[in-house]
């Protein structure tokens, strides 16, 4: 049974959106928000084209302008935070995304065997702080996928990323790969790639992927479930966890919608559709799973 996604009345929000739009635009422009070449805590591999890197940096910095209201306990349970704020969401991402690699990054050629016949006796990662398969890949959590592959094959791997050798001893290593659909999303392709609505939809994807850095045991990397009906039948593009990637994405997009000040009706509709699609992936009988990541020494 999926969540009943209730979005606020569009008409009641338009005055607030337009009233705040000018101030937000001035703030973003005067601070040079989207002209920085780096984002603290996240490294971009050379496989990421510069234009995509700049867009993603702008997406991440957009979090600072978000405000949240009418946050429910169920919302907080889905993400596992005590409160929703720009700061808490930024810290959530930085704990789970360390590297972003480009569409051309080939993990099979960048993967190094650290130890053969390595026996996995994972424990939970005591931190305070699956990859998934879609018909069109938007992004994927390469670190989580390589970790699960190593676990299945009793092989400990590392990955070469941006000159670093990243030991893949947990789903929380945070190597995220850009997919073909991230910058050609059918729902937002008619909008500028740096528009607020487009940035918010991409942020939903980033938070989705960040959840794949969590989990332990059979739920390590929060793998998707196989869909049994609908357009994605047979694909691993559904959700068996109430706090899984799709349900987390749906919840955040609901709140991002409210922050899309100055957005057109078609842009607001695109965010609504994205939220509804993510929420629709939840399967009957889904329940909350422990998000604490496991690791091996």
Protein backbone atom coordinates (compact mmCIF):
# COMPACT_ATOMS: atom_id res chain seq x y z
CA UNK A 1 0.00 0.00 0.00
CA UNK A 2 1.51 3.32 -1.04
CA UNK A 3 1.39 6.66 0.74
CA UNK A 4 -1.44 9.04 -0.09
CA UNK A 5 0.60 12.00 -1.30
CA UNK A 6 -1.16 15.27 -0.51
CA UNK A 7 0.30 18.37 -2.10
CA UNK A 8 -0.74 21.90 -1.13
CA UNK A 9 -3.19 23.90 -3.17
CA UNK A 10 -1.26 25.66 -5.95
CA UNK A 11 -3.37 28.79 -5.95
CA UNK A 12 -2.86 29.45 -2.25
CA UNK A 13 0.88 29.36 -2.68
CA UNK A 14 1.31 31.55 -5.75
CA UNK A 15 1.27 34.87 -3.88
CA UNK A 16 4.00 33.65 -1.53
CA UNK A 17 6.03 32.31 -4.45
CA UNK A 18 5.94 35.49 -6.49
CA UNK A 19 6.47 37.66 -3.44
CA UNK A 20 9.68 35.80 -2.54
CA UNK A 21 10.95 35.17 -6.05
CA UNK A 22 12.71 38.50 -6.52
CA UNK A 23 14.47 38.29 -3.16
CA UNK A 24 15.67 34.75 -3.87
CA UNK A 25 16.90 35.70 -7.35
CA UNK A 26 18.82 38.68 -5.98
CA UNK A 27 20.31 36.54 -3.22
CA UNK A 28 21.49 33.85 -5.63
CA UNK A 29 22.96 36.32 -8.10
CA UNK A 30 24.63 38.65 -5.60
CA UNK A 31 26.34 35.79 -3.80
CA UNK A 32 27.68 34.26 -7.00
CA UNK A 33 25.97 31.08 -5.87
CA UNK A 34 26.26 29.11 -9.06
CA UNK A 35 29.75 30.18 -10.13
CA UNK A 36 31.84 28.17 -7.70
CA UNK A 37 34.01 25.35 -9.05
CA UNK A 38 33.89 23.06 -6.01
CA UNK A 39 31.43 21.87 -3.41
CA UNK A 40 32.74 21.23 0.08
CA UNK A 41 32.85 17.55 0.98
CA UNK A 42 32.06 16.13 -2.48
CA UNK A 43 34.71 15.44 -5.11
CA UNK A 44 33.90 15.37 -8.82
CA UNK A 45 35.79 12.85 -10.94
CA UNK A 46 37.33 14.05 -14.21
CA UNK A 47 34.73 11.92 -16.02
CA UNK A 48 32.08 14.54 -15.11
CA UNK A 49 31.82 17.20 -17.86
CA UNK A 50 32.38 20.69 -16.50
CA UNK A 51 28.89 21.93 -17.44
CA UNK A 52 27.31 19.02 -15.53
CA UNK A 53 29.62 19.62 -12.57
CA UNK A 54 28.59 23.27 -12.39
CA UNK A 55 24.90 22.36 -12.57
CA UNK A 56 25.26 19.82 -9.77
CA UNK A 57 27.18 22.25 -7.60
CA UNK A 58 24.34 24.73 -8.12
CA UNK A 59 21.82 22.03 -7.25
CA UNK A 60 23.61 21.27 -3.98
CA UNK A 61 23.88 24.94 -3.08
CA UNK A 62 20.15 25.38 -3.76
CA UNK A 63 19.52 23.43 -0.56
CA UNK A 64 20.53 26.54 1.40
CA UNK A 65 17.49 28.41 0.06
CA UNK A 66 14.95 25.75 1.04
CA UNK A 67 12.47 26.22 3.86
CA UNK A 68 10.26 23.57 5.41
CA UNK A 69 6.82 23.71 7.02
CA UNK A 70 4.17 21.21 8.04
CA UNK A 71 6.80 18.53 8.58
CA UNK A 72 5.23 15.40 10.07
CA UNK A 73 6.79 12.74 12.25
CA UNK A 74 6.25 10.31 9.38
CA UNK A 75 8.37 12.58 7.16
CA UNK A 76 11.15 12.55 9.76
CA UNK A 77 10.91 8.77 10.14
CA UNK A 78 11.42 8.33 6.41
CA UNK A 79 14.68 10.25 6.38
CA UNK A 80 15.79 9.48 9.94
CA UNK A 81 16.39 13.06 11.06
CA UNK A 82 15.21 14.96 14.13
CA UNK A 83 14.21 17.92 11.97
CA UNK A 84 14.09 19.02 8.34
CA UNK A 85 16.20 22.06 7.53
CA UNK A 86 18.68 23.18 4.93
CA UNK A 87 21.54 22.36 7.30
CA UNK A 88 20.28 18.90 8.29
CA UNK A 89 19.69 17.94 4.65
CA UNK A 90 23.15 19.14 3.62
CA UNK A 91 24.78 17.11 6.39
CA UNK A 92 22.66 14.09 5.43
CA UNK A 93 23.97 14.24 1.86
CA UNK A 94 27.59 14.90 2.80
CA UNK A 95 27.59 11.82 5.03
CA UNK A 96 26.43 9.65 2.13
CA UNK A 97 27.85 11.16 -1.07
CA UNK A 98 31.64 11.57 -1.26
CA UNK A 99 32.31 11.31 -4.99
CA UNK A 100 30.31 11.94 -8.15
CA UNK A 101 31.51 10.23 -11.33
CA UNK A 102 30.39 10.77 -14.91
CA UNK A 103 28.27 8.67 -17.22
CA UNK A 104 31.44 7.39 -18.92
CA UNK A 105 33.01 6.15 -15.68
CA UNK A 106 33.49 2.37 -15.94
CA UNK A 107 33.73 0.83 -12.50
CA UNK A 108 34.91 -2.49 -13.98
CA UNK A 109 38.13 -0.87 -15.25
CA UNK A 110 38.58 1.30 -12.14
CA UNK A 111 38.04 -1.58 -9.70
CA UNK A 112 41.05 -3.00 -7.89
CA UNK A 113 41.07 -6.30 -6.00
CA UNK A 114 42.34 -5.63 -2.49
CA UNK A 115 41.84 -9.15 -1.19
CA UNK A 116 40.67 -12.44 -2.70
CA UNK A 117 38.90 -15.04 -0.57
CA UNK A 118 37.88 -12.21 1.71
CA UNK A 119 35.23 -13.33 4.16
CA UNK A 120 32.62 -10.75 5.00
CA UNK A 121 31.68 -10.54 8.66
CA UNK A 122 30.02 -7.16 8.52
CA UNK A 123 29.09 -5.17 11.57
CA UNK A 124 27.03 -2.02 11.71
CA UNK A 125 28.86 1.20 11.07
CA UNK A 126 28.61 3.05 14.39
CA UNK A 127 28.40 6.50 12.86
CA UNK A 128 26.60 9.61 14.04
CA UNK A 129 26.38 10.86 10.90
CA UNK A 130 21.89 -1.73 -4.77
CA UNK A 131 22.15 -0.21 -6.54
CA UNK A 132 19.01 0.12 -8.59
CA UNK A 133 17.92 -0.56 -12.10
CA UNK A 134 15.58 1.66 -14.06
CA UNK A 135 14.51 1.53 -17.68
CA UNK A 136 16.42 4.79 -18.09
CA UNK A 137 19.13 5.23 -15.49
CA UNK A 138 19.08 8.68 -13.93
CA UNK A 139 21.80 8.06 -11.34
CA UNK A 140 23.22 4.99 -9.64
CA UNK A 141 25.09 4.32 -6.41
CA UNK A 142 28.25 2.68 -7.78
CA UNK A 143 29.82 2.37 -4.34
CA UNK A 144 26.86 0.39 -3.03
CA UNK A 145 26.81 -1.84 -6.12
CA UNK A 146 30.53 -2.64 -5.90
CA UNK A 147 30.21 -3.33 -2.18
CA UNK A 148 27.39 -5.82 -2.75
CA UNK A 149 29.32 -7.43 -5.61
CA UNK A 150 32.35 -7.89 -3.37
CA UNK A 151 30.21 -9.28 -0.59
CA UNK A 152 28.65 -11.81 -2.95
CA UNK A 153 32.03 -12.87 -4.38
CA UNK A 154 34.06 -12.76 -1.13
CA UNK A 155 36.32 -10.13 -2.69
CA UNK A 156 37.28 -6.79 -1.18
CA UNK A 157 37.55 -4.05 -3.81
CA UNK A 158 38.71 -0.49 -4.05
CA UNK A 159 37.80 2.04 -6.72
CA UNK A 160 39.99 4.67 -8.38
CA UNK A 161 38.10 7.95 -8.26
CA UNK A 162 39.53 11.42 -8.85
CA UNK A 163 43.06 10.21 -8.09
CA UNK A 164 41.95 8.53 -4.85
CA UNK A 165 41.83 4.82 -4.15
CA UNK A 166 38.57 4.31 -2.30
CA UNK A 167 38.33 1.16 -0.20
CA UNK A 168 34.84 -0.26 -0.75
CA UNK A 169 34.29 -1.76 2.68
CA UNK A 170 30.77 -0.40 3.20
CA UNK A 171 27.77 0.75 1.16
CA UNK A 172 28.51 4.15 2.72
CA UNK A 173 31.62 4.85 0.56
CA UNK A 174 29.48 7.31 -1.40
CA UNK A 175 30.48 6.92 -5.05
CA UNK A 176 27.52 8.14 -7.13
CA UNK A 177 27.37 7.84 -10.93
CA UNK A 178 25.52 10.17 -13.28
CA UNK A 179 23.15 8.33 -15.62
CA UNK A 180 21.95 9.14 -19.11
CA UNK A 181 18.62 10.44 -17.82
CA UNK A 182 19.79 12.93 -15.19
CA UNK A 183 20.15 15.88 -17.56
CA UNK A 184 17.52 14.75 -20.06
CA UNK A 185 14.65 14.00 -17.70
CA UNK A 186 11.48 13.84 -19.78
CA UNK A 187 9.55 15.70 -17.07
CA UNK A 188 11.85 18.72 -17.03
CA UNK A 189 13.51 18.74 -20.45
CA UNK A 190 11.34 21.66 -21.60
CA UNK A 191 12.70 23.82 -18.73
CA UNK A 192 16.16 25.41 -18.51
CA UNK A 193 18.69 23.04 -16.95
CA UNK A 194 19.46 25.61 -14.26
CA UNK A 195 15.86 26.53 -13.43
CA UNK A 196 14.77 26.11 -9.82
CA UNK A 197 12.24 23.39 -10.67
CA UNK A 198 14.81 21.36 -12.60
CA UNK A 199 17.30 21.70 -9.76
CA UNK A 200 14.72 20.51 -7.23
CA UNK A 201 13.88 17.43 -9.31
CA UNK A 202 17.60 16.58 -9.60
CA UNK A 203 17.99 17.09 -5.85
CA UNK A 204 15.26 14.51 -5.34
CA UNK A 205 17.40 12.09 -7.33
CA UNK A 206 20.53 12.91 -5.29
CA UNK A 207 18.70 12.21 -2.04
CA UNK A 208 17.30 9.01 -3.55
CA UNK A 209 20.84 7.84 -4.31
CA UNK A 210 22.12 8.88 -0.92
CA UNK A 211 19.76 6.36 0.71
CA UNK A 212 21.52 3.59 -1.24
CA UNK A 213 24.56 4.33 0.93
CA UNK A 214 22.67 2.98 3.95
CA UNK A 215 21.46 -0.35 5.27
CA UNK A 216 22.83 -3.61 6.61
CA UNK A 217 22.38 -7.34 6.27
CA UNK A 218 19.95 -8.33 3.52
CA UNK A 219 19.02 -4.67 3.20
CA UNK A 220 22.57 -3.35 2.68
CA UNK A 221 22.47 -0.50 0.12
CA UNK A 222 18.65 -0.48 0.29
CA UNK A 223 18.19 -2.51 -2.93
CA UNK A 224 15.02 -1.98 -4.92
CA UNK A 225 12.37 -4.65 -5.21
CA UNK A 226 11.19 -6.21 -8.46
CA UNK A 227 7.98 -4.68 -9.72
CA UNK A 228 5.22 -7.21 -10.30
CA UNK A 229 2.87 -5.02 -12.34
CA UNK A 230 2.64 -1.77 -14.24
CA UNK A 231 5.08 -0.15 -16.66
CA UNK A 232 8.09 -1.34 -14.68
CA UNK A 233 6.95 -4.94 -14.27
CA UNK A 234 10.00 -7.22 -14.11
CA UNK A 235 12.39 -4.35 -13.38
CA UNK A 236 13.96 -3.69 -10.01
CA UNK A 237 12.35 -0.28 -9.76
CA UNK A 238 9.95 -0.68 -6.84
CA UNK A 239 10.19 -0.25 -3.09
CA UNK A 240 9.76 -2.61 -0.14
CA UNK A 241 10.94 -0.13 2.50
CA UNK A 242 8.94 2.73 3.99
CA UNK A 243 12.20 4.64 4.46
CA UNK A 244 13.70 3.51 1.16
CA UNK A 245 15.04 5.64 -1.70
CA UNK A 246 11.79 6.16 -3.62
CA UNK A 247 9.69 6.95 -0.56
CA UNK A 248 12.37 9.33 0.73
CA UNK A 249 12.47 11.04 -2.69
CA UNK A 250 8.68 11.38 -2.75
CA UNK A 251 8.59 12.93 0.70
CA UNK A 252 11.30 15.49 -0.08
CA UNK A 253 9.80 16.43 -3.45
CA UNK A 254 6.54 17.17 -1.64
CA UNK A 255 8.43 19.72 0.46
CA UNK A 256 10.57 20.97 -2.46
CA UNK A 257 7.34 21.76 -4.31
CA UNK A 258 6.50 24.27 -1.59
CA UNK A 259 9.89 25.96 -2.06
CA UNK A 260 9.51 26.40 -5.82
CA UNK A 261 8.81 30.12 -5.57
CA UNK A 262 8.14 31.75 -8.94
CA UNK A 263 7.81 28.41 -10.69
CA UNK A 264 5.29 28.11 -13.52
CA UNK A 265 2.29 25.82 -13.35
CA UNK A 266 3.99 23.38 -15.73
CA UNK A 267 7.12 23.33 -13.55
CA UNK A 268 5.06 22.74 -10.43
CA UNK A 269 3.22 19.96 -12.24
CA UNK A 270 6.54 18.31 -13.15
CA UNK A 271 7.55 18.22 -9.49
CA UNK A 272 4.13 16.82 -8.53
CA UNK A 273 4.36 14.10 -11.16
CA UNK A 274 7.88 13.19 -10.05
CA UNK A 275 6.75 12.96 -6.41
CA UNK A 276 3.69 10.90 -7.29
CA UNK A 277 5.74 8.52 -9.46
CA UNK A 278 8.26 7.93 -6.66
CA UNK A 279 5.48 7.36 -4.11
CA UNK A 280 3.74 4.90 -6.46
CA UNK A 281 6.73 2.54 -6.36
CA UNK A 282 5.97 1.53 -2.77
CA UNK A 283 4.80 -2.09 -2.53
CA UNK A 284 2.13 -3.53 -0.29
CA UNK A 285 3.55 -4.66 3.05
CA UNK A 286 6.53 -2.27 2.99
CA UNK A 287 7.99 -1.47 6.39
CA UNK A 288 10.75 0.58 7.96
CA UNK A 289 14.24 -0.93 7.81
CA UNK A 290 17.36 -0.12 9.82
CA UNK A 291 19.32 2.47 7.78
CA UNK A 292 22.56 2.15 9.75
CA UNK A 293 25.24 1.05 7.26
CA UNK A 294 27.40 -2.00 7.75
CA UNK A 295 31.14 -2.14 7.19
CA UNK A 296 33.97 -4.68 7.18
CA UNK A 297 37.53 -4.27 8.39
